[in-house]
Amino acid sequence: MSNRIEGTAAPVSNRAVGAVGTGQVSRAGESRDKPVEAASPADSLRLTGEATGLQALQRDLATKPAFDEARVQALRESIASGSYKVDAEAIASRMLDLDARLAG
């Protein structure tokens, strides 16, 4: 199936787009012909204690590696030598605890 398209597209109007330098008023009511001014020095921002704590935690985590490489190497060596033992009861207990917490 095919559709025939005839004619040309309607020209885009500068009024619809808002040409730069025309002095046109924007939707917020501000004139577009002057530069945007910086906020006054009276404006301020104060973070709560929780936000400050989260920023400190973020900085701390950003400087630390994602995992303990020495611990990983020690586990690799103990697995390779056959000395690593799996405590099935501890794993099962923790899985049951997690399930209970998720169930609410």
PDB file of N, CA and C in Angstrom:
ATOM      1  N   MET A   1       0.847  -1.163   0.000  1.00  0.00           N
ATOM      2  CA  MET A   1       0.000   0.000   0.000  1.00  0.00           C
ATOM      3  C   MET A   1       0.898   1.233   0.000  1.00  0.00           C
ATOM      4  N   SER A   2       0.495   2.249  -0.747  1.00  0.00           N
ATOM      5  CA  SER A   2       1.274   3.478  -0.789  1.00  0.00           C
ATOM      6  C   SER A   2       0.341   4.666  -0.684  1.00  0.00           C
ATOM      7  N   ASN A   3       0.862   5.728  -0.106  1.00  0.00           N
ATOM      8  CA  ASN A   3       0.118   6.982   0.025  1.00  0.00           C
ATOM      9  C   ASN A   3       0.869   8.064  -0.718  1.00  0.00           C
ATOM     10  N   ARG A   4       0.143   8.847  -1.463  1.00  0.00           N
ATOM     11  CA  ARG A   4       0.768   9.937  -2.192  1.00  0.00           C
ATOM     12  C   ARG A   4       0.734  11.197  -1.335  1.00  0.00           C
ATOM     13  N   ILE A   5       1.883  11.838  -1.222  1.00  0.00           N
ATOM     14  CA  ILE A   5       1.989  13.074  -0.448  1.00  0.00           C
ATOM     15  C   ILE A   5       2.146  14.217  -1.422  1.00  0.00           C
ATOM     16  N   GLU A   6       1.267  15.198  -1.309  1.00  0.00           N
ATOM     17  CA  GLU A   6       1.319  16.341  -2.219  1.00  0.00           C
ATOM     18  C   GLU A   6       1.504  17.627  -1.442  1.00  0.00           C
ATOM     19  N   GLY A   7       2.054  18.612  -2.100  1.00  0.00           N
ATOM     20  CA  GLY A   7       2.215  19.928  -1.497  1.00  0.00           C
ATOM     21  C   GLY A   7       3.521  20.040  -0.736  1.00  0.00           C
ATOM     22  N   THR A   8       3.743  21.209  -0.146  1.00  0.00           N
ATOM     23  CA  THR A   8       4.957  21.455   0.629  1.00  0.00           C
ATOM     24  C   THR A   8       4.565  21.736   2.066  1.00  0.00           C
ATOM     25  N   ALA A   9       5.510  21.574   2.936  1.00  0.00           N
ATOM     26  CA  ALA A   9       5.275  21.820   4.355  1.00  0.00           C
ATOM     27  C   ALA A   9       5.100  23.310   4.597  1.00  0.00           C
ATOM     28  N   ALA A  10       4.299  23.644   5.601  1.00  0.00           N
ATOM     29  CA  ALA A  10       4.080  25.040   5.958  1.00  0.00           C
ATOM     30  C   ALA A  10       5.366  25.620   6.530  1.00  0.00           C
ATOM     31  N   PRO A  11       5.708  26.875   6.193  1.00  0.00           N
ATOM     32  CA  PRO A  11       6.940  27.472   6.723  1.00  0.00           C
ATOM     33  C   PRO A  11       6.847  27.657   8.241  1.00  0.00           C
ATOM     34  N   VAL A  12       7.991  27.534   8.900  1.00  0.00           N
ATOM     35  CA  VAL A  12       8.053  27.717  10.347  1.00  0.00           C
ATOM     36  C   VAL A  12       8.079  29.201  10.646  1.00  0.00           C
ATOM     37  N   SER A  13       7.250  29.635  11.544  1.00  0.00           N
ATOM     38  CA  SER A  13       7.164  31.042  11.905  1.00  0.00           C
ATOM     39  C   SER A  13       8.126  31.350  13.043  1.00  0.00           C
ATOM     40  N   ASN A  14       8.791  32.511  12.976  1.00  0.00           N
ATOM     41  CA  ASN A  14       9.669  32.934  14.068  1.00  0.00           C
ATOM     42  C   ASN A  14       8.881  33.234  15.332  1.00  0.00           C
ATOM     43  N   ARG A  15       7.639  33.583  15.184  1.00  0.00           N
ATOM     44  CA  ARG A  15       6.821  33.877  16.366  1.00  0.00           C
ATOM     45  C   ARG A  15       6.594  32.622  17.185  1.00  0.00           C
ATOM     46  N   ALA A  16       6.445  31.486  16.532  1.00  0.00           N
ATOM     47  CA  ALA A  16       6.192  30.239  17.255  1.00  0.00           C
ATOM     48  C   ALA A  16       7.435  29.788  18.012  1.00  0.00           C
ATOM     49  N   VAL A  17       8.596  30.035  17.449  1.00  0.00           N
ATOM     50  CA  VAL A  17       9.833  29.592  18.059  1.00  0.00           C
ATOM     51  C   VAL A  17      10.393  30.638  19.007  1.00  0.00           C
ATOM     52  N   GLY A  18      10.204  31.894  18.713  1.00  0.00           N
ATOM     53  CA  GLY A  18      10.734  32.972  19.549  1.00  0.00           C
ATOM     54  C   GLY A  18      12.123  33.355  19.106  1.00  0.00           C
ATOM     55  N   ALA A  19      12.258  34.193  18.114  1.00  0.00           N
ATOM     56  CA  ALA A  19      13.557  34.571  17.578  1.00  0.00           C
ATOM     57  C   ALA A  19      14.358  35.353  18.610  1.00  0.00           C
ATOM     58  N   VAL A  20      15.650  35.151  18.592  1.00  0.00           N
ATOM     59  CA  VAL A  20      16.543  35.828  19.526  1.00  0.00           C
ATOM     60  C   VAL A  20      16.672  37.292  19.133  1.00  0.00           C
ATOM     61  N   GLY A  21      16.638  38.165  20.121  1.00  0.00           N
ATOM     62  CA  GLY A  21      16.862  39.579  19.875  1.00  0.00           C
ATOM     63  C   GLY A  21      15.634  40.332  19.400  1.00  0.00           C
ATOM     64  N   THR A  22      14.479  39.737  19.406  1.00  0.00           N
ATOM     65  CA  THR A  22      13.275  40.424  18.940  1.00  0.00           C
ATOM     66  C   THR A  22      12.577  41.153  20.067  1.00  0.00           C
ATOM     67  N   GLY A  23      13.018  40.931  21.296  1.00  0.00           N
ATOM     68  CA  GLY A  23      12.362  41.569  22.435  1.00  0.00           C
ATOM     69  C   GLY A  23      11.076  40.863  22.811  1.00  0.00           C
ATOM     70  N   GLN A  24      10.879  39.701  22.265  1.00  0.00           N
ATOM     71  CA  GLN A  24       9.670  38.933  22.548  1.00  0.00           C
ATOM     72  C   GLN A  24       9.667  38.522  24.019  1.00  0.00           C
ATOM     73  N   VAL A  25       8.513  38.522  24.631  1.00  0.00           N
ATOM     74  CA  VAL A  25       8.387  38.165  26.039  1.00  0.00           C
ATOM     75  C   VAL A  25       8.217  36.665  26.157  1.00  0.00           C
ATOM     76  N   SER A  26       8.975  36.040  27.055  1.00  0.00           N
ATOM     77  CA  SER A  26       8.881  34.597  27.240  1.00  0.00           C
ATOM     78  C   SER A  26       7.660  34.254  28.080  1.00  0.00           C
ATOM     79  N   ARG A  27       7.386  32.978  28.209  1.00  0.00           N
ATOM     80  CA  ARG A  27       6.218  32.540  28.960  1.00  0.00           C
ATOM     81  C   ARG A  27       6.270  32.954  30.425  1.00  0.00           C
ATOM     82  N   ALA A  28       7.462  33.037  30.981  1.00  0.00           N
ATOM     83  CA  ALA A  28       7.588  33.407  32.390  1.00  0.00           C
ATOM     84  C   ALA A  28       7.418  34.900  32.596  1.00  0.00           C
ATOM     85  N   GLY A  29       7.283  35.668  31.527  1.00  0.00           N
ATOM     86  CA  GLY A  29       7.066  37.098  31.645  1.00  0.00           C
ATOM     87  C   GLY A  29       8.322  37.929  31.595  1.00  0.00           C
ATOM     88  N   GLU A  30       9.476  37.304  31.420  1.00  0.00           N
ATOM     89  CA  GLU A  30      10.740  38.035  31.360  1.00  0.00           C
ATOM     90  C   GLU A  30      11.083  38.355  29.904  1.00  0.00           C
ATOM     91  N   SER A  31      11.623  39.544  29.677  1.00  0.00           N
ATOM     92  CA  SER A  31      12.052  39.934  28.345  1.00  0.00           C
ATOM     93  C   SER A  31      13.288  39.133  27.969  1.00  0.00           C
ATOM     94  N   ARG A  32      13.390  38.738  26.702  1.00  0.00           N
ATOM     95  CA  ARG A  32      14.522  37.942  26.250  1.00  0.00           C
ATOM     96  C   ARG A  32      15.647  38.797  25.679  1.00  0.00           C
ATOM     97  N   ASP A  33      15.528  40.091  25.711  1.00  0.00           N
ATOM     98  CA  ASP A  33      16.536  40.928  25.076  1.00  0.00           C
ATOM     99  C   ASP A  33      17.645  41.369  26.035  1.00  0.00           C
ATOM    100  N   LYS A  34      17.648  40.936  27.285  1.00  0.00           N
ATOM    101  CA  LYS A  34      18.744  41.272  28.198  1.00  0.00           C
ATOM    102  C   LYS A  34      19.298  39.984  28.807  1.00  0.00           C
ATOM    103  N   PRO A  35      20.587  39.983  29.202  1.00  0.00           N
ATOM    104  CA  PRO A  35      21.196  38.764  29.744  1.00  0.00           C
ATOM    105  C   PRO A  35      20.598  38.388  31.104  1.00  0.00           C
ATOM    106  N   VAL A  36      20.716  37.129  31.429  1.00  0.00           N
ATOM    107  CA  VAL A  36      20.232  36.629  32.714  1.00  0.00           C
ATOM    108  C   VAL A  36      21.191  37.088  33.794  1.00  0.00           C
ATOM    109  N   GLU A  37      20.654  37.589  34.894  1.00  0.00           N
ATOM    110  CA  GLU A  37      21.494  38.083  35.984  1.00  0.00           C
ATOM    111  C   GLU A  37      21.733  36.990  37.018  1.00  0.00           C
ATOM    112  N   ALA A  38      22.845  37.064  37.697  1.00  0.00           N
ATOM    113  CA  ALA A  38      23.181  36.110  38.746  1.00  0.00           C
ATOM    114  C   ALA A  38      22.260  36.316  39.942  1.00  0.00           C
ATOM    115  N   ALA A  39      22.119  35.279  40.751  1.00  0.00           N
ATOM    116  CA  ALA A  39      21.283  35.366  41.944  1.00  0.00           C
ATOM    117  C   ALA A  39      21.889  36.357  42.923  1.00  0.00           C
ATOM    118  N   SER A  40      21.052  36.988  43.686  1.00  0.00           N
ATOM    119  CA  SER A  40      21.548  37.969  44.649  1.00  0.00           C
ATOM    120  C   SER A  40      22.314  37.277  45.765  1.00  0.00           C
ATOM    121  N   PRO A  41      23.276  37.971  46.378  1.00  0.00           N
ATOM    122  CA  PRO A  41      24.069  37.362  47.443  1.00  0.00           C
ATOM    123  C   PRO A  41      23.234  36.995  48.664  1.00  0.00           C
ATOM    124  N   ALA A  42      22.015  37.491  48.773  1.00  0.00           N
ATOM    125  CA  ALA A  42      21.177  37.173  49.923  1.00  0.00           C
ATOM    126  C   ALA A  42      20.670  35.734  49.861  1.00  0.00           C
ATOM    127  N   ASP A  43      20.672  35.124  48.663  1.00  0.00           N
ATOM    128  CA  ASP A  43      20.255  33.733  48.545  1.00  0.00           C
ATOM    129  C   ASP A  43      21.285  32.837  49.210  1.00  0.00           C
ATOM    130  N   SER A  44      20.824  31.819  49.907  1.00  0.00           N
ATOM    131  CA  SER A  44      21.758  30.912  50.566  1.00  0.00           C
ATOM    132  C   SER A  44      21.178  29.510  50.578  1.00  0.00           C
ATOM    133  N   LEU A  45      22.028  28.556  50.886  1.00  0.00           N
ATOM    134  CA  LEU A  45      21.645  27.163  50.950  1.00  0.00           C
ATOM    135  C   LEU A  45      22.226  26.579  52.223  1.00  0.00           C
ATOM    136  N   ARG A  46      21.393  25.897  52.978  1.00  0.00           N
ATOM    137  CA  ARG A  46      21.862  25.269  54.208  1.00  0.00           C
ATOM    138  C   ARG A  46      21.439  23.809  54.167  1.00  0.00           C
ATOM    139  N   LEU A  47      22.410  22.909  54.321  1.00  0.00           N
ATOM    140  CA  LEU A  47      22.119  21.487  54.289  1.00  0.00           C
ATOM    141  C   LEU A  47      21.763  20.994  55.681  1.00  0.00           C
ATOM    142  N   THR A  48      20.878  20.011  55.728  1.00  0.00           N
ATOM    143  CA  THR A  48      20.538  19.406  57.006  1.00  0.00           C
ATOM    144  C   THR A  48      21.700  18.530  57.454  1.00  0.00           C
ATOM    145  N   GLY A  49      21.674  18.126  58.692  1.00  0.00           N
ATOM    146  CA  GLY A  49      22.715  17.240  59.212  1.00  0.00           C
ATOM    147  C   GLY A  49      22.760  15.928  58.456  1.00  0.00           C
ATOM    148  N   GLU A  50      21.592  15.436  58.081  1.00  0.00           N
ATOM    149  CA  GLU A  50      21.532  14.172  57.334  1.00  0.00           C
ATOM    150  C   GLU A  50      22.179  14.333  55.959  1.00  0.00           C
ATOM    151  N   ALA A  51      21.907  15.434  55.270  1.00  0.00           N
ATOM    152  CA  ALA A  51      22.491  15.666  53.955  1.00  0.00           C
ATOM    153  C   ALA A  51      24.002  15.823  54.057  1.00  0.00           C
ATOM    154  N   THR A  52      24.471  16.505  55.083  1.00  0.00           N
ATOM    155  CA  THR A  52      25.908  16.664  55.281  1.00  0.00           C
ATOM    156  C   THR A  52      26.558  15.317  55.543  1.00  0.00           C
ATOM    157  N   GLY A  53      25.896  14.490  56.345  1.00  0.00           N
ATOM    158  CA  GLY A  53      26.407  13.143  56.621  1.00  0.00           C
ATOM    159  C   GLY A  53      26.461  12.291  55.365  1.00  0.00           C
ATOM    160  N   LEU A  54      25.441  12.411  54.505  1.00  0.00           N
ATOM    161  CA  LEU A  54      25.430  11.651  53.255  1.00  0.00           C
ATOM    162  C   LEU A  54      26.546  12.107  52.325  1.00  0.00           C
ATOM    163  N   GLN A  55      26.817  13.410  52.308  1.00  0.00           N
ATOM    164  CA  GLN A  55      27.925  13.913  51.481  1.00  0.00           C
ATOM    165  C   GLN A  55      29.259  13.365  51.981  1.00  0.00           C
ATOM    166  N   ALA A  56      29.442  13.334  53.294  1.00  0.00           N
ATOM    167  CA  ALA A  56      30.685  12.811  53.866  1.00  0.00           C
ATOM    168  C   ALA A  56      30.828  11.326  53.546  1.00  0.00           C
ATOM    169  N   LEU A  57      29.736  10.582  53.646  1.00  0.00           N
ATOM    170  CA  LEU A  57      29.758   9.157  53.325  1.00  0.00           C
ATOM    171  C   LEU A  57      30.087   8.945  51.853  1.00  0.00           C
ATOM    172  N   GLN A  58      29.519   9.766  50.978  1.00  0.00           N
ATOM    173  CA  GLN A  58      29.792   9.651  49.550  1.00  0.00           C
ATOM    174  C   GLN A  58      31.269   9.914  49.259  1.00  0.00           C
ATOM    175  N   ARG A  59      31.844  10.941  49.876  1.00  0.00           N
ATOM    176  CA  ARG A  59      33.264  11.230  49.681  1.00  0.00           C
ATOM    177  C   ARG A  59      34.122  10.082  50.189  1.00  0.00           C
ATOM    178  N   ASP A  60      33.748   9.510  51.341  1.00  0.00           N
ATOM    179  CA  ASP A  60      34.504   8.414  51.931  1.00  0.00           C
ATOM    180  C   ASP A  60      34.458   7.182  51.031  1.00  0.00           C
ATOM    181  N   LEU A  61      33.286   6.850  50.516  1.00  0.00           N
ATOM    182  CA  LEU A  61      33.144   5.679  49.655  1.00  0.00           C
ATOM    183  C   LEU A  61      33.843   5.865  48.320  1.00  0.00           C
ATOM    184  N   ALA A  62      33.899   7.104  47.844  1.00  0.00           N
ATOM    185  CA  ALA A  62      34.538   7.369  46.556  1.00  0.00           C
ATOM    186  C   ALA A  62      36.049   7.147  46.615  1.00  0.00           C
ATOM    187  N   THR A  63      36.640   7.269  47.793  1.00  0.00           N
ATOM    188  CA  THR A  63      38.085   7.119  47.918  1.00  0.00           C
ATOM    189  C   THR A  63      38.509   5.691  48.217  1.00  0.00           C
ATOM    190  N   LYS A  64      37.574   4.823  48.601  1.00  0.00           N
ATOM    191  CA  LYS A  64      37.910   3.441  48.941  1.00  0.00           C
ATOM    192  C   LYS A  64      37.659   2.521  47.751  1.00  0.00           C
ATOM    193  N   PRO A  65      38.414   1.420  47.681  1.00  0.00           N
ATOM    194  CA  PRO A  65      38.171   0.465  46.599  1.00  0.00           C
ATOM    195  C   PRO A  65      36.831  -0.247  46.801  1.00  0.00           C
ATOM    196  N   ALA A  66      36.290  -0.799  45.724  1.00  0.00           N
ATOM    197  CA  ALA A  66      34.984  -1.449  45.768  1.00  0.00           C
ATOM    198  C   ALA A  66      35.025  -2.749  46.570  1.00  0.00           C
ATOM    199  N   PHE A  67      36.185  -3.381  46.693  1.00  0.00           N
ATOM    200  CA  PHE A  67      36.315  -4.617  47.458  1.00  0.00           C
ATOM    201  C   PHE A  67      37.697  -4.682  48.083  1.00  0.00           C
ATOM    202  N   ASP A  68      37.846  -5.569  49.063  1.00  0.00           N
ATOM    203  CA  ASP A  68      39.110  -5.741  49.779  1.00  0.00           C
ATOM    204  C   ASP A  68      39.962  -6.747  49.010  1.00  0.00           C
ATOM    205  N   GLU A  69      40.907  -6.242  48.256  1.00  0.00           N
ATOM    206  CA  GLU A  69      41.718  -7.093  47.392  1.00  0.00           C
ATOM    207  C   GLU A  69      42.537  -8.110  48.186  1.00  0.00           C
ATOM    208  N   ALA A  70      43.027  -7.735  49.353  1.00  0.00           N
ATOM    209  CA  ALA A  70      43.811  -8.661  50.177  1.00  0.00           C
ATOM    210  C   ALA A  70      42.947  -9.826  50.647  1.00  0.00           C
ATOM    211  N   ARG A  71      41.700  -9.539  51.022  1.00  0.00           N
ATOM    212  CA  ARG A  71      40.788 -10.609  51.466  1.00  0.00           C
ATOM    213  C   ARG A  71      40.457 -11.549  50.313  1.00  0.00           C
ATOM    214  N   VAL A  72      40.228 -10.989  49.132  1.00  0.00           N
ATOM    215  CA  VAL A  72      39.944 -11.815  47.954  1.00  0.00           C
ATOM    216  C   VAL A  72      41.124 -12.726  47.650  1.00  0.00           C
ATOM    217  N   GLN A  73      42.328 -12.204  47.722  1.00  0.00           N
ATOM    218  CA  GLN A  73      43.522 -13.005  47.451  1.00  0.00           C
ATOM    219  C   GLN A  73      43.675 -14.111  48.489  1.00  0.00           C
ATOM    220  N   ALA A  74      43.407 -13.797  49.754  1.00  0.00           N
ATOM    221  CA  ALA A  74      43.494 -14.818  50.806  1.00  0.00           C
ATOM    222  C   ALA A  74      42.466 -15.924  50.574  1.00  0.00           C
ATOM    223  N   LEU A  75      41.266 -15.564  50.166  1.00  0.00           N
ATOM    224  CA  LEU A  75      40.239 -16.574  49.869  1.00  0.00           C
ATOM    225  C   LEU A  75      40.641 -17.424  48.667  1.00  0.00           C
ATOM    226  N   ARG A  76      41.194 -16.805  47.642  1.00  0.00           N
ATOM    227  CA  ARG A  76      41.649 -17.571  46.473  1.00  0.00           C
ATOM    228  C   ARG A  76      42.701 -18.603  46.866  1.00  0.00           C
ATOM    229  N   GLU A  77      43.630 -18.174  47.695  1.00  0.00           N
ATOM    230  CA  GLU A  77      44.700 -19.080  48.120  1.00  0.00           C
ATOM    231  C   GLU A  77      44.159 -20.224  48.965  1.00  0.00           C
ATOM    232  N   SER A  78      43.226 -19.933  49.875  1.00  0.00           N
ATOM    233  CA  SER A  78      42.674 -20.995  50.713  1.00  0.00           C
ATOM    234  C   SER A  78      41.819 -21.963  49.890  1.00  0.00           C
ATOM    235  N   ILE A  79      41.120 -21.481  48.877  1.00  0.00           N
ATOM    236  CA  ILE A  79      40.352 -22.365  47.998  1.00  0.00           C
ATOM    237  C   ILE A  79      41.296 -23.233  47.174  1.00  0.00           C
ATOM    238  N   ALA A  80      42.359 -22.621  46.644  1.00  0.00           N
ATOM    239  CA  ALA A  80      43.325 -23.361  45.830  1.00  0.00           C
ATOM    240  C   ALA A  80      44.041 -24.438  46.640  1.00  0.00           C
ATOM    241  N   SER A  81      44.330 -24.154  47.895  1.00  0.00           N
ATOM    242  CA  SER A  81      45.043 -25.129  48.726  1.00  0.00           C
ATOM    243  C   SER A  81      44.101 -26.165  49.334  1.00  0.00           C
ATOM    244  N   GLY A  82      42.794 -25.934  49.237  1.00  0.00           N
ATOM    245  CA  GLY A  82      41.826 -26.891  49.784  1.00  0.00           C
ATOM    246  C   GLY A  82      41.522 -26.683  51.257  1.00  0.00           C
ATOM    247  N   SER A  83      42.008 -25.584  51.834  1.00  0.00           N
ATOM    248  CA  SER A  83      41.784 -25.350  53.262  1.00  0.00           C
ATOM    249  C   SER A  83      40.517 -24.533  53.543  1.00  0.00           C
ATOM    250  N   TYR A  84      39.844 -24.051  52.507  1.00  0.00           N
ATOM    251  CA  TYR A  84      38.629 -23.261  52.701  1.00  0.00           C
ATOM    252  C   TYR A  84      37.463 -24.193  52.988  1.00  0.00           C
ATOM    253  N   LYS A  85      36.765 -23.950  54.092  1.00  0.00           N
ATOM    254  CA  LYS A  85      35.628 -24.768  54.491  1.00  0.00           C
ATOM    255  C   LYS A  85      34.357 -23.934  54.431  1.00  0.00           C
ATOM    256  N   VAL A  86      33.314 -24.520  53.869  1.00  0.00           N
ATOM    257  CA  VAL A  86      32.017 -23.856  53.773  1.00  0.00           C
ATOM    258  C   VAL A  86      31.192 -24.261  54.983  1.00  0.00           C
ATOM    259  N   ASP A  87      30.654 -23.259  55.705  1.00  0.00           N
ATOM    260  CA  ASP A  87      29.792 -23.526  56.854  1.00  0.00           C
ATOM    261  C   ASP A  87      28.344 -23.463  56.373  1.00  0.00           C
ATOM    262  N   ALA A  88      27.806 -24.622  56.020  1.00  0.00           N
ATOM    263  CA  ALA A  88      26.463 -24.696  55.448  1.00  0.00           C
ATOM    264  C   ALA A  88      25.402 -24.197  56.425  1.00  0.00           C
ATOM    265  N   GLU A  89      25.566 -24.462  57.706  1.00  0.00           N
ATOM    266  CA  GLU A  89      24.578 -24.014  58.702  1.00  0.00           C
ATOM    267  C   GLU A  89      24.546 -22.498  58.808  1.00  0.00           C
ATOM    268  N   ALA A  90      25.699 -21.859  58.761  1.00  0.00           N
ATOM    269  CA  ALA A  90      25.751 -20.396  58.833  1.00  0.00           C
ATOM    270  C   ALA A  90      25.098 -19.780  57.592  1.00  0.00           C
ATOM    271  N   ILE A  91      25.340 -20.363  56.432  1.00  0.00           N
ATOM    272  CA  ILE A  91      24.741 -19.855  55.200  1.00  0.00           C
ATOM    273  C   ILE A  91      23.228 -20.010  55.251  1.00  0.00           C
ATOM    274  N   ALA A  92      22.759 -21.185  55.657  1.00  0.00           N
ATOM    275  CA  ALA A  92      21.316 -21.432  55.740  1.00  0.00           C
ATOM    276  C   ALA A  92      20.662 -20.495  56.742  1.00  0.00           C
ATOM    277  N   SER A  93      21.310 -20.281  57.882  1.00  0.00           N
ATOM    278  CA  SER A  93      20.764 -19.396  58.908  1.00  0.00           C
ATOM    279  C   SER A  93      20.619 -17.966  58.393  1.00  0.00           C
ATOM    280  N   ARG A  94      21.644 -17.490  57.714  1.00  0.00           N
ATOM    281  CA  ARG A  94      21.585 -16.124  57.170  1.00  0.00           C
ATOM    282  C   ARG A  94      20.531 -15.995  56.068  1.00  0.00           C
ATOM    283  N   MET A  95      20.376 -17.043  55.260  1.00  0.00           N
ATOM    284  CA  MET A  95      19.340 -17.020  54.209  1.00  0.00           C
ATOM    285  C   MET A  95      17.949 -16.961  54.844  1.00  0.00           C
ATOM    286  N   LEU A  96      17.728 -17.724  55.911  1.00  0.00           N
ATOM    287  CA  LEU A  96      16.442 -17.709  56.594  1.00  0.00           C
ATOM    288  C   LEU A  96      16.187 -16.353  57.257  1.00  0.00           C
ATOM    289  N   ASP A  97      17.229 -15.757  57.844  1.00  0.00           N
ATOM    290  CA  ASP A  97      17.094 -14.427  58.446  1.00  0.00           C
ATOM    291  C   ASP A  97      16.712 -13.386  57.387  1.00  0.00           C
ATOM    292  N   LEU A  98      17.364 -13.445  56.230  1.00  0.00           N
ATOM    293  CA  LEU A  98      17.063 -12.513  55.149  1.00  0.00           C
ATOM    294  C   LEU A  98      15.636 -12.697  54.657  1.00  0.00           C
ATOM    295  N   ASP A  99      15.220 -13.957  54.517  1.00  0.00           N
ATOM    296  CA  ASP A  99      13.857 -14.241  54.079  1.00  0.00           C
ATOM    297  C   ASP A  99      12.837 -13.686  55.065  1.00  0.00           C
ATOM    298  N   ALA A 100      13.120 -13.834  56.352  1.00  0.00           N
ATOM    299  CA  ALA A 100      12.209 -13.318  57.382  1.00  0.00           C
ATOM    300  C   ALA A 100      12.133 -11.798  57.340  1.00  0.00           C
ATOM    301  N   ARG A 101      13.271 -11.125  57.124  1.00  0.00           N
ATOM    302  CA  ARG A 101      13.264  -9.663  57.037  1.00  0.00           C
ATOM    303  C   ARG A 101      12.545  -9.166  55.791  1.00  0.00           C
ATOM    304  N   LEU A 102      12.698  -9.883  54.688  1.00  0.00           N
ATOM    305  CA  LEU A 102      12.021  -9.471  53.452  1.00  0.00           C
ATOM    306  C   LEU A 102      10.516  -9.703  53.521  1.00  0.00           C
ATOM    307  N   ALA A 103      10.117 -10.707  54.261  1.00  0.00           N
ATOM    308  CA  ALA A 103       8.687 -11.005  54.399  1.00  0.00           C
ATOM    309  C   ALA A 103       7.996  -9.948  55.249  1.00  0.00           C
ATOM    310  N   GLY A 104       8.755  -9.269  56.058  1.00  0.00           N
ATOM    311  CA  GLY A 104       8.225  -8.146  56.824  1.00  0.00           C
ATOM    312  C   GLY A 104       7.566  -8.587  58.063  1.00  0.00           C
TER     313      GLY A 104
END
